[in-house]
Amino acid sequence: MGLLSDLFKGLKTEEDLMEVPEEGEVKSQVNVRVEKLHDFVDVERISRLLKEGNIVFLKTAELQRKDLGEFQNSVQKLKRNCMQFGWDIAGLEEGYLILTPAFAKIERS
């Protein structure tokens, strides 16, 4: 017959067929979360949200005023995580950071 009939010769029923998910499927819905950075411990929670595919607007002004050293350590940890996992991070005015998972990139001008 042909090449296709040779390939599917061994298959007898539809139960033998298996659906293979496409690699790199993107979720049909993306959540945008607004979170606060209270202290260094929150970095793990923010990283988990990014791993789940959420885009995060992070309020940082409160921690900047309260403890500048802890704020700087937290941002450095977030930057390292972003580099490690291919996420994107950018600072916005008024004490906000935006963090995106690997499938979304921040357009800078």
N, C-alpha and C. Protein backbone atom coordinates (compact mmCIF):
# COMPACT_ATOMS: atom_id res chain seq x y z
N MET A 1 0.82 -1.19 0.00
CA MET A 1 0.00 0.00 0.00
C MET A 1 0.86 1.25 0.00
N GLY A 2 1.43 1.55 1.12
CA GLY A 2 2.24 2.75 1.18
C GLY A 2 2.99 2.81 2.49
N LEU A 3 3.67 3.89 2.68
CA LEU A 3 4.47 4.08 3.87
C LEU A 3 3.61 4.14 5.12
N LEU A 4 2.49 4.87 5.08
CA LEU A 4 1.64 4.99 6.26
C LEU A 4 1.04 3.65 6.66
N SER A 5 0.62 2.86 5.69
CA SER A 5 0.04 1.56 6.04
C SER A 5 1.10 0.66 6.67
N ASP A 6 2.34 0.78 6.25
CA ASP A 6 3.42 0.00 6.86
C ASP A 6 3.67 0.44 8.30
N LEU A 7 3.59 1.74 8.54
CA LEU A 7 3.83 2.25 9.89
C LEU A 7 2.74 1.83 10.86
N PHE A 8 1.49 1.83 10.41
CA PHE A 8 0.37 1.55 11.30
C PHE A 8 -0.14 0.12 11.18
N LYS A 9 0.63 -0.77 10.59
CA LYS A 9 0.23 -2.15 10.38
C LYS A 9 -0.06 -2.86 11.70
N GLY A 10 0.74 -2.62 12.73
CA GLY A 10 0.59 -3.30 14.00
C GLY A 10 -0.56 -2.79 14.86
N LEU A 11 -1.09 -1.61 14.59
CA LEU A 11 -2.17 -1.05 15.39
C LEU A 11 -3.50 -1.65 14.97
N LYS A 12 -4.26 -2.16 15.94
CA LYS A 12 -5.52 -2.82 15.62
C LYS A 12 -6.74 -2.05 16.09
N THR A 13 -6.64 -1.35 17.23
CA THR A 13 -7.79 -0.62 17.76
C THR A 13 -7.38 0.78 18.14
N GLU A 14 -8.40 1.61 18.41
CA GLU A 14 -8.11 2.97 18.84
C GLU A 14 -7.52 2.99 20.24
N GLU A 15 -7.74 1.95 21.03
CA GLU A 15 -7.18 1.88 22.37
C GLU A 15 -5.67 1.79 22.34
N ASP A 16 -5.12 1.32 21.25
CA ASP A 16 -3.68 1.21 21.11
C ASP A 16 -3.02 2.57 20.87
N LEU A 17 -3.82 3.54 20.41
CA LEU A 17 -3.28 4.87 20.13
C LEU A 17 -3.17 5.66 21.41
N MET A 18 -2.13 6.49 21.51
CA MET A 18 -1.92 7.30 22.69
C MET A 18 -1.66 8.74 22.23
N GLU A 19 -2.28 9.70 22.92
CA GLU A 19 -2.07 11.11 22.60
C GLU A 19 -0.83 11.59 23.34
N VAL A 20 0.07 12.18 22.59
CA VAL A 20 1.31 12.70 23.16
C VAL A 20 1.17 14.22 23.26
N PRO A 21 1.34 14.78 24.47
CA PRO A 21 1.21 16.24 24.59
C PRO A 21 2.34 16.94 23.86
N GLU A 22 2.01 18.10 23.28
CA GLU A 22 3.02 18.87 22.58
C GLU A 22 4.01 19.46 23.57
N GLU A 23 5.24 19.50 23.16
CA GLU A 23 6.28 20.05 24.03
C GLU A 23 6.19 21.57 24.02
N GLY A 24 6.31 22.16 25.19
CA GLY A 24 6.28 23.61 25.28
C GLY A 24 4.89 24.21 25.19
N GLU A 25 3.87 23.45 25.54
CA GLU A 25 2.51 23.99 25.51
C GLU A 25 2.40 25.15 26.47
N VAL A 26 1.73 26.21 26.05
CA VAL A 26 1.54 27.38 26.88
C VAL A 26 0.14 27.30 27.48
N LYS A 27 0.03 27.66 28.75
CA LYS A 27 -1.25 27.65 29.41
C LYS A 27 -2.21 28.59 28.68
N SER A 28 -3.49 28.22 28.65
CA SER A 28 -4.46 29.06 27.97
C SER A 28 -4.78 30.31 28.78
N GLN A 29 -4.49 30.29 30.06
CA GLN A 29 -4.77 31.44 30.91
C GLN A 29 -3.52 31.75 31.72
N VAL A 30 -3.17 33.03 31.78
CA VAL A 30 -2.02 33.47 32.54
C VAL A 30 -2.52 34.36 33.67
N ASN A 31 -2.08 34.08 34.87
CA ASN A 31 -2.47 34.88 36.02
C ASN A 31 -1.43 35.96 36.27
N VAL A 32 -1.91 37.16 36.59
CA VAL A 32 -1.04 38.26 36.99
C VAL A 32 -1.31 38.50 38.47
N ARG A 33 -0.28 38.34 39.27
CA ARG A 33 -0.42 38.47 40.73
C ARG A 33 0.22 39.77 41.20
N VAL A 34 -0.42 40.44 42.13
CA VAL A 34 0.16 41.61 42.80
C VAL A 34 0.49 41.16 44.21
N GLU A 35 1.78 41.20 44.55
CA GLU A 35 2.26 40.70 45.84
C GLU A 35 3.11 41.76 46.52
N LYS A 36 3.30 41.61 47.82
CA LYS A 36 4.17 42.51 48.59
C LYS A 36 5.42 41.76 49.02
N LEU A 37 6.53 42.47 49.01
CA LEU A 37 7.79 41.93 49.51
C LEU A 37 7.98 42.50 50.91
N HIS A 38 7.68 41.67 51.92
CA HIS A 38 7.78 42.11 53.31
C HIS A 38 9.18 41.91 53.87
N ASP A 39 9.80 40.76 53.52
CA ASP A 39 11.15 40.47 53.98
C ASP A 39 11.78 39.40 53.10
N PHE A 40 12.99 39.01 53.42
CA PHE A 40 13.77 38.08 52.60
C PHE A 40 13.08 36.73 52.43
N VAL A 41 12.30 36.32 53.41
CA VAL A 41 11.62 35.02 53.36
C VAL A 41 10.63 34.96 52.20
N ASP A 42 10.08 36.09 51.79
CA ASP A 42 9.09 36.14 50.72
C ASP A 42 9.67 35.77 49.35
N VAL A 43 10.98 35.79 49.21
CA VAL A 43 11.61 35.48 47.93
C VAL A 43 11.24 34.06 47.47
N GLU A 44 11.20 33.10 48.38
CA GLU A 44 10.84 31.73 48.01
C GLU A 44 9.39 31.64 47.52
N ARG A 45 8.49 32.37 48.16
CA ARG A 45 7.09 32.38 47.75
C ARG A 45 6.94 32.99 46.35
N ILE A 46 7.65 34.06 46.10
CA ILE A 46 7.60 34.72 44.79
C ILE A 46 8.17 33.79 43.72
N SER A 47 9.26 33.11 44.02
CA SER A 47 9.86 32.16 43.08
C SER A 47 8.90 31.03 42.76
N ARG A 48 8.18 30.55 43.76
CA ARG A 48 7.21 29.48 43.54
C ARG A 48 6.09 29.95 42.60
N LEU A 49 5.64 31.18 42.79
CA LEU A 49 4.59 31.72 41.92
C LEU A 49 5.07 31.80 40.47
N LEU A 50 6.32 32.18 40.27
CA LEU A 50 6.87 32.24 38.91
C LEU A 50 7.00 30.85 38.31
N LYS A 51 7.41 29.87 39.10
CA LYS A 51 7.51 28.50 38.61
C LYS A 51 6.16 27.96 38.18
N GLU A 52 5.08 28.44 38.82
CA GLU A 52 3.72 28.04 38.47
C GLU A 52 3.22 28.76 37.22
N GLY A 53 3.99 29.72 36.69
CA GLY A 53 3.62 30.40 35.45
C GLY A 53 2.89 31.72 35.65
N ASN A 54 2.95 32.29 36.83
CA ASN A 54 2.30 33.58 37.10
C ASN A 54 3.24 34.73 36.75
N ILE A 55 2.66 35.84 36.30
CA ILE A 55 3.39 37.09 36.18
C ILE A 55 3.16 37.84 37.48
N VAL A 56 4.22 38.39 38.08
CA VAL A 56 4.13 38.97 39.41
C VAL A 56 4.52 40.45 39.38
N PHE A 57 3.59 41.31 39.85
CA PHE A 57 3.90 42.70 40.17
C PHE A 57 4.21 42.72 41.65
N LEU A 58 5.40 43.14 42.00
CA LEU A 58 5.86 43.04 43.37
C LEU A 58 6.03 44.43 43.98
N LYS A 59 5.27 44.70 45.04
CA LYS A 59 5.39 45.97 45.76
C LYS A 59 6.58 45.87 46.71
N THR A 60 7.51 46.81 46.58
CA THR A 60 8.73 46.75 47.39
C THR A 60 8.95 47.99 48.23
N ALA A 61 8.15 49.02 48.06
CA ALA A 61 8.40 50.31 48.71
C ALA A 61 8.45 50.20 50.23
N GLU A 62 7.59 49.39 50.80
CA GLU A 62 7.55 49.24 52.27
C GLU A 62 8.87 48.68 52.81
N LEU A 63 9.38 47.64 52.16
CA LEU A 63 10.65 47.05 52.62
C LEU A 63 11.82 48.00 52.35
N GLN A 64 11.77 48.76 51.25
CA GLN A 64 12.82 49.73 50.98
C GLN A 64 12.93 50.75 52.11
N ARG A 65 11.79 51.22 52.59
CA ARG A 65 11.80 52.20 53.67
C ARG A 65 12.20 51.58 55.00
N LYS A 66 11.75 50.34 55.24
CA LYS A 66 11.97 49.69 56.53
C LYS A 66 13.42 49.23 56.70
N ASP A 67 13.96 48.51 55.70
CA ASP A 67 15.30 47.93 55.83
C ASP A 67 15.93 47.82 54.44
N LEU A 68 16.73 48.82 54.09
CA LEU A 68 17.33 48.87 52.76
C LEU A 68 18.25 47.68 52.49
N GLY A 69 19.00 47.23 53.48
CA GLY A 69 19.91 46.09 53.31
C GLY A 69 19.15 44.81 52.98
N GLU A 70 18.08 44.55 53.69
CA GLU A 70 17.28 43.35 53.43
C GLU A 70 16.60 43.44 52.06
N PHE A 71 16.19 44.65 51.70
CA PHE A 71 15.61 44.86 50.36
C PHE A 71 16.63 44.51 49.28
N GLN A 72 17.85 45.00 49.42
CA GLN A 72 18.89 44.74 48.43
C GLN A 72 19.22 43.25 48.34
N ASN A 73 19.29 42.57 49.49
CA ASN A 73 19.55 41.13 49.50
C ASN A 73 18.41 40.37 48.81
N SER A 74 17.19 40.78 49.05
CA SER A 74 16.03 40.12 48.46
C SER A 74 16.03 40.29 46.94
N VAL A 75 16.32 41.49 46.48
CA VAL A 75 16.34 41.74 45.04
C VAL A 75 17.48 40.96 44.38
N GLN A 76 18.64 40.89 45.03
CA GLN A 76 19.75 40.12 44.48
C GLN A 76 19.39 38.64 44.36
N LYS A 77 18.72 38.10 45.36
CA LYS A 77 18.28 36.70 45.33
C LYS A 77 17.27 36.49 44.20
N LEU A 78 16.34 37.42 44.03
CA LEU A 78 15.37 37.32 42.93
C LEU A 78 16.08 37.38 41.58
N LYS A 79 17.08 38.25 41.44
CA LYS A 79 17.83 38.34 40.19
C LYS A 79 18.56 37.03 39.88
N ARG A 80 19.18 36.44 40.91
CA ARG A 80 19.87 35.15 40.71
C ARG A 80 18.89 34.07 40.28
N ASN A 81 17.72 34.02 40.91
CA ASN A 81 16.70 33.03 40.53
C ASN A 81 16.24 33.26 39.10
N CYS A 82 16.06 34.53 38.71
CA CYS A 82 15.64 34.85 37.35
C CYS A 82 16.68 34.39 36.33
N MET A 83 17.93 34.62 36.62
CA MET A 83 18.99 34.18 35.70
C MET A 83 19.03 32.66 35.61
N GLN A 84 18.86 31.98 36.73
CA GLN A 84 18.93 30.53 36.77
C GLN A 84 17.80 29.88 35.98
N PHE A 85 16.59 30.41 36.08
CA PHE A 85 15.43 29.77 35.46
C PHE A 85 14.98 30.42 34.16
N GLY A 86 15.67 31.48 33.70
CA GLY A 86 15.31 32.13 32.45
C GLY A 86 14.12 33.06 32.58
N TRP A 87 13.86 33.54 33.78
CA TRP A 87 12.77 34.49 33.99
C TRP A 87 13.27 35.89 33.68
N ASP A 88 12.35 36.85 33.67
CA ASP A 88 12.73 38.23 33.41
C ASP A 88 12.30 39.10 34.59
N ILE A 89 13.08 40.13 34.90
CA ILE A 89 12.79 41.01 36.02
C ILE A 89 13.11 42.44 35.59
N ALA A 90 12.26 43.38 36.02
CA ALA A 90 12.50 44.79 35.73
C ALA A 90 11.94 45.63 36.86
N GLY A 91 12.62 46.72 37.17
CA GLY A 91 12.16 47.66 38.18
C GLY A 91 11.27 48.71 37.55
N LEU A 92 10.21 49.06 38.24
CA LEU A 92 9.29 50.09 37.79
C LEU A 92 9.33 51.26 38.77
N GLU A 93 8.70 52.35 38.40
CA GLU A 93 8.63 53.49 39.30
C GLU A 93 7.78 53.16 40.50
N GLU A 94 7.90 53.98 41.52
CA GLU A 94 7.08 53.88 42.73
C GLU A 94 7.29 52.59 43.52
N GLY A 95 8.47 51.98 43.42
CA GLY A 95 8.79 50.83 44.25
C GLY A 95 8.15 49.52 43.83
N TYR A 96 8.01 49.27 42.54
CA TYR A 96 7.46 48.01 42.04
C TYR A 96 8.52 47.28 41.22
N LEU A 97 8.47 45.97 41.26
CA LEU A 97 9.22 45.11 40.36
C LEU A 97 8.21 44.29 39.58
N ILE A 98 8.54 43.97 38.33
CA ILE A 98 7.72 43.03 37.58
C ILE A 98 8.60 41.84 37.25
N LEU A 99 8.06 40.65 37.50
CA LEU A 99 8.78 39.40 37.24
C LEU A 99 7.91 38.53 36.35
N THR A 100 8.51 37.98 35.31
CA THR A 100 7.76 37.14 34.37
C THR A 100 8.43 35.78 34.22
N PRO A 101 7.64 34.73 34.00
CA PRO A 101 8.22 33.42 33.72
C PRO A 101 8.88 33.40 32.34
N ALA A 102 9.48 32.29 32.00
CA ALA A 102 10.29 32.19 30.78
C ALA A 102 9.50 32.45 29.50
N PHE A 103 8.20 32.16 29.48
CA PHE A 103 7.43 32.33 28.24
C PHE A 103 7.06 33.79 27.96
N ALA A 104 7.27 34.70 28.92
CA ALA A 104 6.94 36.11 28.74
C ALA A 104 8.20 36.95 28.94
N LYS A 105 8.45 37.86 28.05
CA LYS A 105 9.62 38.74 28.15
C LYS A 105 9.14 40.17 28.32
N ILE A 106 9.90 40.96 29.05
CA ILE A 106 9.60 42.37 29.28
C ILE A 106 10.25 43.18 28.18
N GLU A 107 9.45 43.99 27.49
CA GLU A 107 9.96 44.86 26.43
C GLU A 107 10.48 46.14 27.07
N ARG A 108 11.75 46.40 26.88
CA ARG A 108 12.36 47.59 27.47
C ARG A 108 12.58 48.63 26.37
N SER A 109 12.37 49.91 26.74
CA SER A 109 12.57 50.97 25.74
C SER A 109 13.67 51.91 26.17
